[in-house]
All heavy atoms as atom14 arrays in JSON, in Angstrom:
{
  "sequence": "GGSLRLSCEASGRTFGIHTMGWFRQAPGKEREFVASITWSGNVTAYID",
  "atom14_mask": [
    [1, 1, 1, 1, 0, 0, 0, 0, 0, 0, 0, 0, 0, 0],
    [1, 1, 1, 1, 0, 0, 0, 0, 0, 0, 0, 0, 0, 0],
    [1, 1, 1, 1, 1, 1, 0, 0, 0, 0, 0, 0, 0, 0],
    [1, 1, 1, 1, 1, 1, 1, 1, 0, 0, 0, 0, 0, 0],
    [1, 1, 1, 1, 1, 1, 1, 1, 1, 1, 1, 0, 0, 0],
    [1, 1, 1, 1, 1, 1, 1, 1, 0, 0, 0, 0, 0, 0],
    [1, 1, 1, 1, 1, 1, 0, 0, 0, 0, 0, 0, 0, 0],
    [1, 1, 1, 1, 1, 1, 0, 0, 0, 0, 0, 0, 0, 0],
    [1, 1, 1, 1, 1, 1, 1, 1, 1, 0, 0, 0, 0, 0],
    [1, 1, 1, 1, 1, 0, 0, 0, 0, 0, 0, 0, 0, 0],
    [1, 1, 1, 1, 1, 1, 0, 0, 0, 0, 0, 0, 0, 0],
    [1, 1, 1, 1, 0, 0, 0, 0, 0, 0, 0, 0, 0, 0],
    [1, 1, 1, 1, 1, 1, 1, 1, 1, 1, 1, 0, 0, 0],
    [1, 1, 1, 1, 1, 1, 1, 0, 0, 0, 0, 0, 0, 0],
    [1, 1, 1, 1, 1, 1, 1, 1, 1, 1, 1, 0, 0, 0],
    [1, 1, 1, 1, 0, 0, 0, 0, 0, 0, 0, 0, 0, 0],
    [1, 1, 1, 1, 1, 1, 1, 1, 0, 0, 0, 0, 0, 0],
    [1, 1, 1, 1, 1, 1, 1, 1, 1, 1, 0, 0, 0, 0],
    [1, 1, 1, 1, 1, 1, 1, 0, 0, 0, 0, 0, 0, 0],
    [1, 1, 1, 1, 1, 1, 1, 1, 0, 0, 0, 0, 0, 0],
    [1, 1, 1, 1, 0, 0, 0, 0, 0, 0, 0, 0, 0, 0],
    [1, 1, 1, 1, 1, 1, 1, 1, 1, 1, 1, 1, 1, 1],
    [1, 1, 1, 1, 1, 1, 1, 1, 1, 1, 1, 0, 0, 0],
    [1, 1, 1, 1, 1, 1, 1, 1, 1, 1, 1, 0, 0, 0],
    [1, 1, 1, 1, 1, 1, 1, 1, 1, 0, 0, 0, 0, 0],
    [1, 1, 1, 1, 1, 0, 0, 0, 0, 0, 0, 0, 0, 0],
    [1, 1, 1, 1, 1, 1, 1, 0, 0, 0, 0, 0, 0, 0],
    [1, 1, 1, 1, 0, 0, 0, 0, 0, 0, 0, 0, 0, 0],
    [1, 1, 1, 1, 1, 1, 1, 1, 1, 0, 0, 0, 0, 0],
    [1, 1, 1, 1, 1, 1, 1, 1, 1, 0, 0, 0, 0, 0],
    [1, 1, 1, 1, 1, 1, 1, 1, 1, 1, 1, 0, 0, 0],
    [1, 1, 1, 1, 1, 1, 1, 1, 1, 0, 0, 0, 0, 0],
    [1, 1, 1, 1, 1, 1, 1, 1, 1, 1, 1, 0, 0, 0],
    [1, 1, 1, 1, 1, 1, 1, 0, 0, 0, 0, 0, 0, 0],
    [1, 1, 1, 1, 1, 0, 0, 0, 0, 0, 0, 0, 0, 0],
    [1, 1, 1, 1, 1, 1, 0, 0, 0, 0, 0, 0, 0, 0],
    [1, 1, 1, 1, 1, 1, 1, 1, 0, 0, 0, 0, 0, 0],
    [1, 1, 1, 1, 1, 1, 1, 0, 0, 0, 0, 0, 0, 0],
    [1, 1, 1, 1, 1, 1, 1, 1, 1, 1, 1, 1, 1, 1],
    [1, 1, 1, 1, 1, 1, 0, 0, 0, 0, 0, 0, 0, 0],
    [1, 1, 1, 1, 0, 0, 0, 0, 0, 0, 0, 0, 0, 0],
    [1, 1, 1, 1, 1, 1, 1, 1, 0, 0, 0, 0, 0, 0],
    [1, 1, 1, 1, 1, 1, 1, 0, 0, 0, 0, 0, 0, 0],
    [1, 1, 1, 1, 1, 1, 1, 0, 0, 0, 0, 0, 0, 0],
    [1, 1, 1, 1, 1, 0, 0, 0, 0, 0, 0, 0, 0, 0],
    [1, 1, 1, 1, 1, 1, 1, 1, 1, 1, 1, 1, 0, 0],
    [1, 1, 1, 1, 1, 1, 1, 1, 0, 0, 0, 0, 0, 0],
    [1, 1, 1, 1, 1, 1, 1, 1, 0, 0, 0, 0, 0, 0]
  ],
  "atom14_positions": [
    [[0.81, -1.26, 0.0], [-0.02, -0.07, -0.01], [0.81, 1.28, 0.01], [0.31, 2.33, -0.26], [0.0, 0.0, 0.0], [0.0, 0.0, 0.0], [0.0, 0.0, 0.0], [0.0, 0.0, 0.0], [0.0, 0.0, 0.0], [0.0, 0.0, 0.0], [0.0, 0.0, 0.0], [0.0, 0.0, 0.0], [0.0, 0.0, 0.0], [0.0, 0.0, 0.0]],
    [[2.23, 1.15, 0.21], [2.99, 2.31, 0.3], [3.48, 2.65, -1.16], [3.07, 2.04, -2.12], [0.0, 0.0, 0.0], [0.0, 0.0, 0.0], [0.0, 0.0, 0.0], [0.0, 0.0, 0.0], [0.0, 0.0, 0.0], [0.0, 0.0, 0.0], [0.0, 0.0, 0.0], [0.0, 0.0, 0.0], [0.0, 0.0, 0.0], [0.0, 0.0, 0.0]],
    [[4.26, 3.65, -1.23], [4.72, 4.23, -2.44], [6.26, 4.41, -2.44], [6.88, 4.61, -1.32], [4.13, 5.6, -2.67], [2.66, 5.49, -2.9], [0.0, 0.0, 0.0], [0.0, 0.0, 0.0], [0.0, 0.0, 0.0], [0.0, 0.0, 0.0], [0.0, 0.0, 0.0], [0.0, 0.0, 0.0], [0.0, 0.0, 0.0], [0.0, 0.0, 0.0]],
    [[6.91, 4.32, -3.6], [8.29, 4.6, -3.86], [8.38, 5.25, -5.14], [7.62, 5.04, -6.03], [9.09, 3.36, -3.79], [9.37, 2.65, -2.52], [10.09, 1.27, -2.77], [10.31, 3.5, -1.66], [0.0, 0.0, 0.0], [0.0, 0.0, 0.0], [0.0, 0.0, 0.0], [0.0, 0.0, 0.0], [0.0, 0.0, 0.0], [0.0, 0.0, 0.0]],
    [[9.42, 6.06, -5.33], [9.76, 6.67, -6.58], [11.16, 6.27, -6.97], [12.13, 6.62, -6.23], [9.64, 8.18, -6.64], [9.71, 8.84, -7.95], [9.61, 10.35, -8.06], [10.87, 11.04, -7.52], [11.08, 12.3, -7.65], [10.32, 13.02, -8.42], [12.23, 12.78, -7.22], [0.0, 0.0, 0.0], [0.0, 0.0, 0.0], [0.0, 0.0, 0.0]],
    [[11.25, 5.58, -8.06], [12.59, 5.24, -8.54], [13.02, 6.3, -9.58], [12.3, 6.91, -10.23], [12.51, 3.86, -9.31], [11.98, 2.7, -8.57], [11.95, 1.44, -9.44], [12.74, 2.42, -7.2], [0.0, 0.0, 0.0], [0.0, 0.0, 0.0], [0.0, 0.0, 0.0], [0.0, 0.0, 0.0], [0.0, 0.0, 0.0], [0.0, 0.0, 0.0]],
    [[14.41, 6.5, -9.53], [15.0, 7.52, -10.53], [16.06, 6.74, -11.3], [16.69, 5.85, -10.83], [15.67, 8.63, -9.7], [14.69, 9.33, -8.96], [0.0, 0.0, 0.0], [0.0, 0.0, 0.0], [0.0, 0.0, 0.0], [0.0, 0.0, 0.0], [0.0, 0.0, 0.0], [0.0, 0.0, 0.0], [0.0, 0.0, 0.0], [0.0, 0.0, 0.0]],
    [[16.2, 7.26, -12.45], [17.22, 6.71, -13.34], [17.93, 7.94, -14.11], [17.27, 8.61, -14.92], [16.62, 5.76, -14.47], [17.82, 5.16, -15.68], [0.0, 0.0, 0.0], [0.0, 0.0, 0.0], [0.0, 0.0, 0.0], [0.0, 0.0, 0.0], [0.0, 0.0, 0.0], [0.0, 0.0, 0.0], [0.0, 0.0, 0.0], [0.0, 0.0, 0.0]],
    [[19.08, 8.06, -13.72], [19.92, 9.26, -14.32], [20.73, 8.75, -15.51], [21.55, 7.73, -15.35], [20.8, 9.89, -13.3], [21.55, 11.08, -13.89], [22.37, 11.76, -12.79], [22.37, 11.4, -11.68], [23.01, 12.84, -13.21], [0.0, 0.0, 0.0], [0.0, 0.0, 0.0], [0.0, 0.0, 0.0], [0.0, 0.0, 0.0], [0.0, 0.0, 0.0]],
    [[20.63, 9.27, -16.64], [21.33, 8.95, -17.82], [22.45, 9.89, -18.12], [22.28, 11.06, -17.87], [20.33, 8.83, -19.1], [0.0, 0.0, 0.0], [0.0, 0.0, 0.0], [0.0, 0.0, 0.0], [0.0, 0.0, 0.0], [0.0, 0.0, 0.0], [0.0, 0.0, 0.0], [0.0, 0.0, 0.0], [0.0, 0.0, 0.0], [0.0, 0.0, 0.0]],
    [[23.53, 9.41, -18.5], [24.61, 10.2, -18.91], [25.27, 9.62, -20.26], [25.01, 8.6, -20.61], [25.63, 10.31, -17.84], [26.17, 9.01, -17.5], [0.0, 0.0, 0.0], [0.0, 0.0, 0.0], [0.0, 0.0, 0.0], [0.0, 0.0, 0.0], [0.0, 0.0, 0.0], [0.0, 0.0, 0.0], [0.0, 0.0, 0.0], [0.0, 0.0, 0.0]],
    [[26.16, 10.5, -20.89], [26.8, 9.96, -22.1], [26.1, 10.47, -23.25], [25.59, 11.72, -23.29], [0.0, 0.0, 0.0], [0.0, 0.0, 0.0], [0.0, 0.0, 0.0], [0.0, 0.0, 0.0], [0.0, 0.0, 0.0], [0.0, 0.0, 0.0], [0.0, 0.0, 0.0], [0.0, 0.0, 0.0], [0.0, 0.0, 0.0], [0.0, 0.0, 0.0]],
    [[25.79, 9.66, -24.23], [25.17, 10.17, -25.46], [23.71, 10.07, -25.43], [23.08, 9.37, -26.18], [25.7, 9.34, -26.72], [27.21, 9.46, -26.92], [27.73, 8.65, -28.16], [29.11, 8.78, -28.3], [29.71, 9.68, -29.08], [28.95, 10.64, -29.68], [31.01, 9.71, -29.17], [0.0, 0.0, 0.0], [0.0, 0.0, 0.0], [0.0, 0.0, 0.0]],
    [[23.03, 10.85, -24.5], [21.74, 10.9, -24.28], [20.9, 11.4, -25.51], [19.66, 11.13, -25.52], [21.3, 11.6, -23.02], [21.83, 12.98, -23.08], [22.02, 10.95, -21.82], [0.0, 0.0, 0.0], [0.0, 0.0, 0.0], [0.0, 0.0, 0.0], [0.0, 0.0, 0.0], [0.0, 0.0, 0.0], [0.0, 0.0, 0.0], [0.0, 0.0, 0.0]],
    [[21.53, 12.14, -26.36], [20.86, 12.75, -27.46], [20.41, 11.74, -28.46], [19.51, 11.98, -29.31], [21.83, 13.71, -28.28], [23.1, 13.14, -28.68], [23.03, 12.52, -29.96], [24.24, 13.29, -27.92], [24.26, 11.91, -30.39], [25.35, 12.7, -28.42], [25.52, 12.11, -29.62], [0.0, 0.0, 0.0], [0.0, 0.0, 0.0], [0.0, 0.0, 0.0]],
    [[20.97, 10.52, -28.32], [20.47, 9.41, -29.32], [19.41, 8.54, -28.8], [19.06, 7.57, -29.36], [0.0, 0.0, 0.0], [0.0, 0.0, 0.0], [0.0, 0.0, 0.0], [0.0, 0.0, 0.0], [0.0, 0.0, 0.0], [0.0, 0.0, 0.0], [0.0, 0.0, 0.0], [0.0, 0.0, 0.0], [0.0, 0.0, 0.0], [0.0, 0.0, 0.0]],
    [[18.79, 8.84, -27.57], [17.89, 8.04, -26.94], [16.51, 8.21, -27.53], [16.12, 9.35, -27.61], [17.89, 8.22, -25.43], [19.15, 7.78, -24.71], [16.71, 7.46, -24.8], [19.3, 8.16, -23.29], [0.0, 0.0, 0.0], [0.0, 0.0, 0.0], [0.0, 0.0, 0.0], [0.0, 0.0, 0.0], [0.0, 0.0, 0.0], [0.0, 0.0, 0.0]],
    [[15.8, 7.07, -27.83], [14.4, 7.18, -28.39], [13.45, 6.91, -27.23], [12.42, 7.68, -27.11], [14.24, 6.19, -29.52], [12.93, 6.15, -30.06], [11.9, 5.49, -29.55], [12.38, 6.83, -31.12], [10.84, 5.64, -30.24], [11.09, 6.52, -31.14], [0.0, 0.0, 0.0], [0.0, 0.0, 0.0], [0.0, 0.0, 0.0], [0.0, 0.0, 0.0]],
    [[13.7, 5.82, -26.46], [12.86, 5.45, -25.44], [13.54, 5.07, -24.17], [14.6, 4.4, -24.24], [11.91, 4.33, -25.93], [11.32, 4.69, -27.1], [10.9, 3.77, -24.89], [0.0, 0.0, 0.0], [0.0, 0.0, 0.0], [0.0, 0.0, 0.0], [0.0, 0.0, 0.0], [0.0, 0.0, 0.0], [0.0, 0.0, 0.0], [0.0, 0.0, 0.0]],
    [[12.96, 5.41, -23.04], [13.46, 4.93, -21.81], [12.43, 3.94, -21.16], [11.28, 4.24, -21.24], [13.74, 6.04, -20.82], [14.74, 7.06, -21.18], [16.44, 6.29, -21.26], [16.72, 5.94, -19.52], [0.0, 0.0, 0.0], [0.0, 0.0, 0.0], [0.0, 0.0, 0.0], [0.0, 0.0, 0.0], [0.0, 0.0, 0.0], [0.0, 0.0, 0.0]],
    [[12.9, 2.88, -20.65], [12.0, 1.89, -20.08], [12.43, 1.38, -18.61], [13.57, 1.53, -18.29], [0.0, 0.0, 0.0], [0.0, 0.0, 0.0], [0.0, 0.0, 0.0], [0.0, 0.0, 0.0], [0.0, 0.0, 0.0], [0.0, 0.0, 0.0], [0.0, 0.0, 0.0], [0.0, 0.0, 0.0], [0.0, 0.0, 0.0], [0.0, 0.0, 0.0]],
    [[11.47, 0.9, -17.97], [11.67, 0.17, -16.71], [11.24, -1.27, -16.88], [10.27, -1.53, -17.44], [10.84, 0.92, -15.66], [11.41, 2.18, -15.14], [10.97, 3.38, -15.5], [12.48, 2.33, -14.24], [11.67, 4.39, -14.82], [12.6, 3.74, -13.95], [13.22, 1.52, -13.48], [13.59, 4.35, -13.19], [14.19, 2.03, -12.53], [14.37, 3.51, -12.47]],
    [[12.15, -2.11, -16.38], [11.96, -3.5, -16.34], [12.11, -4.06, -14.94], [12.71, -3.32, -14.08], [12.95, -4.29, -17.29], [12.72, -4.0, -18.74], [13.17, -2.79, -19.24], [12.11, -4.84, -19.51], [13.01, -2.54, -20.59], [11.84, -4.61, -20.91], [12.29, -3.35, -21.45], [0.0, 0.0, 0.0], [0.0, 0.0, 0.0], [0.0, 0.0, 0.0]],
    [[11.63, -5.26, -14.61], [11.82, -5.8, -13.21], [12.04, -7.29, -13.43], [11.52, -7.96, -14.36], [10.72, -5.43, -12.38], [9.34, -6.07, -12.73], [8.23, -5.64, -11.82], [6.94, -6.2, -12.17], [5.73, -5.84, -11.63], [5.77, -4.91, -10.72], [4.72, -6.45, -11.97], [0.0, 0.0, 0.0], [0.0, 0.0, 0.0], [0.0, 0.0, 0.0]],
    [[12.71, -7.84, -12.46], [13.03, -9.28, -12.45], [12.9, -9.7, -11.0], [13.56, -9.38, -10.1], [14.35, -9.5, -12.94], [14.63, -11.04, -13.04], [15.99, -11.35, -13.89], [16.81, -10.51, -14.01], [16.04, -12.57, -14.35], [0.0, 0.0, 0.0], [0.0, 0.0, 0.0], [0.0, 0.0, 0.0], [0.0, 0.0, 0.0], [0.0, 0.0, 0.0]],
    [[11.92, -10.6, -10.76], [11.7, -11.19, -9.34], [12.51, -12.48, -9.31], [12.93, -13.01, -10.41], [10.17, -11.52, -9.26], [0.0, 0.0, 0.0], [0.0, 0.0, 0.0], [0.0, 0.0, 0.0], [0.0, 0.0, 0.0], [0.0, 0.0, 0.0], [0.0, 0.0, 0.0], [0.0, 0.0, 0.0], [0.0, 0.0, 0.0], [0.0, 0.0, 0.0]],
    [[12.86, -12.85, -8.13], [13.55, -14.1, -7.95], [12.99, -15.32, -8.69], [11.86, -15.64, -8.53], [13.54, -14.32, -6.42], [13.42, -13.03, -5.87], [12.5, -12.25, -6.85], [0.0, 0.0, 0.0], [0.0, 0.0, 0.0], [0.0, 0.0, 0.0], [0.0, 0.0, 0.0], [0.0, 0.0, 0.0], [0.0, 0.0, 0.0], [0.0, 0.0, 0.0]],
    [[13.79, -15.99, -9.45], [13.44, -17.14, -10.17], [12.5, -16.85, -11.39], [11.97, -17.76, -12.04], [0.0, 0.0, 0.0], [0.0, 0.0, 0.0], [0.0, 0.0, 0.0], [0.0, 0.0, 0.0], [0.0, 0.0, 0.0], [0.0, 0.0, 0.0], [0.0, 0.0, 0.0], [0.0, 0.0, 0.0], [0.0, 0.0, 0.0], [0.0, 0.0, 0.0]],
    [[12.36, -15.54, -11.7], [11.45, -15.23, -12.82], [12.34, -14.46, -13.92], [13.42, -14.05, -13.73], [10.39, -14.14, -12.38], [9.45, -14.72, -11.26], [8.54, -15.73, -11.81], [7.49, -16.1, -10.73], [6.45, -16.94, -11.19], [0.0, 0.0, 0.0], [0.0, 0.0, 0.0], [0.0, 0.0, 0.0], [0.0, 0.0, 0.0], [0.0, 0.0, 0.0]],
    [[11.77, -14.5, -15.11], [12.3, -13.71, -16.18], [12.08, -12.38, -16.05], [11.09, -11.87, -15.47], [11.87, -14.29, -17.51], [12.17, -15.65, -17.89], [13.65, -15.89, -18.12], [14.27, -14.97, -18.75], [14.17, -16.9, -17.69], [0.0, 0.0, 0.0], [0.0, 0.0, 0.0], [0.0, 0.0, 0.0], [0.0, 0.0, 0.0], [0.0, 0.0, 0.0]],
    [[13.0, -11.51, -16.68], [12.81, -10.1, -16.66], [11.59, -9.71, -17.47], [11.4, -10.21, -18.54], [14.13, -9.47, -17.12], [14.02, -7.88, -17.18], [15.27, -7.29, -17.85], [15.61, -7.85, -19.1], [16.81, -7.71, -19.74], [17.84, -7.23, -19.0], [16.93, -8.27, -21.01], [0.0, 0.0, 0.0], [0.0, 0.0, 0.0], [0.0, 0.0, 0.0]],
    [[10.81, -8.76, -16.94], [9.58, -8.28, -17.63], [9.57, -6.83, -17.76], [10.05, -6.13, -16.93], [8.37, -8.78, -16.99], [8.08, -8.28, -15.59], [6.71, -8.63, -14.92], [5.89, -9.21, -15.65], [6.52, -8.34, -13.72], [0.0, 0.0, 0.0], [0.0, 0.0, 0.0], [0.0, 0.0, 0.0], [0.0, 0.0, 0.0], [0.0, 0.0, 0.0]],
    [[8.86, -6.36, -18.84], [8.69, -4.96, -19.11], [7.7, -4.42, -18.04], [6.69, -5.1, -17.73], [8.16, -4.82, -20.56], [7.69, -3.46, -20.81], [8.56, -2.42, -21.16], [6.38, -3.13, -20.83], [8.15, -1.12, -21.52], [5.83, -1.84, -21.13], [6.69, -0.82, -21.49], [0.0, 0.0, 0.0], [0.0, 0.0, 0.0], [0.0, 0.0, 0.0]],
    [[7.89, -3.3, -17.61], [7.0, -2.54, -16.73], [6.39, -1.31, -17.28], [5.2, -1.17, -17.45], [7.73, -2.15, -15.4], [6.76, -1.41, -14.54], [8.28, -3.43, -14.73], [0.0, 0.0, 0.0], [0.0, 0.0, 0.0], [0.0, 0.0, 0.0], [0.0, 0.0, 0.0], [0.0, 0.0, 0.0], [0.0, 0.0, 0.0], [0.0, 0.0, 0.0]],
    [[7.22, -0.37, -17.84], [6.84, 0.86, -18.37], [7.85, 1.47, -19.27], [8.99, 1.19, -19.13], [6.32, 1.84, -17.22], [0.0, 0.0, 0.0], [0.0, 0.0, 0.0], [0.0, 0.0, 0.0], [0.0, 0.0, 0.0], [0.0, 0.0, 0.0], [0.0, 0.0, 0.0], [0.0, 0.0, 0.0], [0.0, 0.0, 0.0], [0.0, 0.0, 0.0]],
    [[7.46, 2.34, -20.17], [8.35, 3.03, -20.95], [7.89, 4.44, -21.28], [6.66, 4.74, -21.22], [8.66, 2.31, -22.28], [7.45, 2.21, -23.11], [0.0, 0.0, 0.0], [0.0, 0.0, 0.0], [0.0, 0.0, 0.0], [0.0, 0.0, 0.0], [0.0, 0.0, 0.0], [0.0, 0.0, 0.0], [0.0, 0.0, 0.0], [0.0, 0.0, 0.0]],
    [[8.65, 5.27, -21.78], [8.42, 6.64, -22.19], [9.35, 7.07, -23.18], [10.62, 6.83, -23.1], [8.31, 7.64, -20.94], [7.86, 8.99, -21.37], [9.68, 7.75, -20.29], [7.6, 10.01, -20.16], [0.0, 0.0, 0.0], [0.0, 0.0, 0.0], [0.0, 0.0, 0.0], [0.0, 0.0, 0.0], [0.0, 0.0, 0.0], [0.0, 0.0, 0.0]],
    [[8.79, 7.8, -24.21], [9.7, 8.24, -25.27], [10.5, 9.59, -24.77], [10.0, 10.25, -23.84], [8.98, 8.64, -26.53], [7.97, 9.6, -26.24], [8.45, 7.44, -27.17], [0.0, 0.0, 0.0], [0.0, 0.0, 0.0], [0.0, 0.0, 0.0], [0.0, 0.0, 0.0], [0.0, 0.0, 0.0], [0.0, 0.0, 0.0], [0.0, 0.0, 0.0]],
    [[11.75, 9.69, -25.22], [12.48, 10.79, -24.69], [11.9, 12.19, -25.08], [12.08, 13.06, -24.37], [13.95, 10.69, -25.29], [14.96, 11.39, -24.59], [15.69, 12.61, -24.98], [15.39, 11.17, -23.22], [16.44, 13.03, -24.0], [16.43, 12.2, -22.93], [15.22, 10.27, -22.19], [17.11, 12.22, -21.73], [15.86, 10.3, -21.01], [16.78, 11.36, -20.8]],
    [[11.32, 12.15, -26.24], [10.62, 13.37, -26.72], [9.22, 13.05, -27.09], [9.09, 12.02, -27.89], [11.36, 14.16, -27.69], [11.52, 13.31, -28.92], [0.0, 0.0, 0.0], [0.0, 0.0, 0.0], [0.0, 0.0, 0.0], [0.0, 0.0, 0.0], [0.0, 0.0, 0.0], [0.0, 0.0, 0.0], [0.0, 0.0, 0.0], [0.0, 0.0, 0.0]],
    [[8.2, 13.62, -26.66], [6.89, 13.27, -27.03], [6.02, 12.73, -25.89], [4.71, 12.77, -26.01], [0.0, 0.0, 0.0], [0.0, 0.0, 0.0], [0.0, 0.0, 0.0], [0.0, 0.0, 0.0], [0.0, 0.0, 0.0], [0.0, 0.0, 0.0], [0.0, 0.0, 0.0], [0.0, 0.0, 0.0], [0.0, 0.0, 0.0], [0.0, 0.0, 0.0]],
    [[6.65, 12.19, -24.88], [6.02, 11.65, -23.65], [4.91, 10.53, -23.99], [3.91, 10.54, -23.37], [5.3, 12.91, -22.93], [6.34, 13.77, -22.2], [7.21, 13.29, -21.56], [6.02, 15.08, -22.29], [0.0, 0.0, 0.0], [0.0, 0.0, 0.0], [0.0, 0.0, 0.0], [0.0, 0.0, 0.0], [0.0, 0.0, 0.0], [0.0, 0.0, 0.0]],
    [[5.25, 9.77, -24.96], [4.44, 8.61, -25.25], [4.82, 7.53, -24.23], [5.99, 7.17, -24.16], [4.67, 8.18, -26.64], [3.66, 6.9, -26.96], [4.22, 9.25, -27.68], [0.0, 0.0, 0.0], [0.0, 0.0, 0.0], [0.0, 0.0, 0.0], [0.0, 0.0, 0.0], [0.0, 0.0, 0.0], [0.0, 0.0, 0.0], [0.0, 0.0, 0.0]],
    [[3.76, 7.09, -23.44], [3.99, 6.22, -22.44], [3.3, 4.79, -22.67], [2.38, 4.71, -23.38], [3.51, 6.63, -21.06], [2.18, 6.9, -21.12], [4.25, 7.91, -20.73], [0.0, 0.0, 0.0], [0.0, 0.0, 0.0], [0.0, 0.0, 0.0], [0.0, 0.0, 0.0], [0.0, 0.0, 0.0], [0.0, 0.0, 0.0], [0.0, 0.0, 0.0]],
    [[3.8, 3.81, -22.02], [3.29, 2.42, -22.07], [3.35, 1.76, -20.78], [4.45, 1.93, -20.15], [3.9, 1.64, -23.2], [0.0, 0.0, 0.0], [0.0, 0.0, 0.0], [0.0, 0.0, 0.0], [0.0, 0.0, 0.0], [0.0, 0.0, 0.0], [0.0, 0.0, 0.0], [0.0, 0.0, 0.0], [0.0, 0.0, 0.0], [0.0, 0.0, 0.0]],
    [[2.51, 0.91, -20.44], [2.48, 0.17, -19.13], [1.9, -1.2, -19.34], [1.14, -1.48, -20.21], [1.64, 0.84, -18.13], [2.09, 2.23, -17.76], [1.44, 3.42, -18.39], [2.92, 2.61, -16.75], [1.8, 4.66, -18.17], [3.27, 3.81, -16.49], [2.64, 4.96, -17.11], [2.98, 6.22, -16.76], [0.0, 0.0, 0.0], [0.0, 0.0, 0.0]],
    [[2.45, -2.2, -18.6], [1.8, -3.5, -18.46], [0.57, -3.38, -17.68], [0.45, -2.5, -16.72], [2.75, -4.49, -18.01], [3.29, -4.07, -16.54], [3.9, -4.89, -18.9], [4.0, -5.29, -15.85], [0.0, 0.0, 0.0], [0.0, 0.0, 0.0], [0.0, 0.0, 0.0], [0.0, 0.0, 0.0], [0.0, 0.0, 0.0], [0.0, 0.0, 0.0]],
    [[-0.4, -4.21, -17.87], [-1.62, -4.09, -17.25], [-1.62, -4.27, -15.76], [-2.39, -3.52, -15.1], [-2.6, -5.27, -17.81], [-2.99, -4.98, -19.19], [-3.0, -3.83, -19.71], [-3.5, -5.94, -19.93], [0.0, 0.0, 0.0], [0.0, 0.0, 0.0], [0.0, 0.0, 0.0], [0.0, 0.0, 0.0], [0.0, 0.0, 0.0], [0.0, 0.0, 0.0]]
  ]
}
């Protein structure tokens, strides 16, 4: 029921980024997509 805010700081050739995404991997599970956002345009996507 609580909340957290994760941050991801990018450095280097960030001008070439199209999309930033968040993935997660639970113990014994495969990595799964969580959410994404385009670097310009703010188009977002989420898993259900």
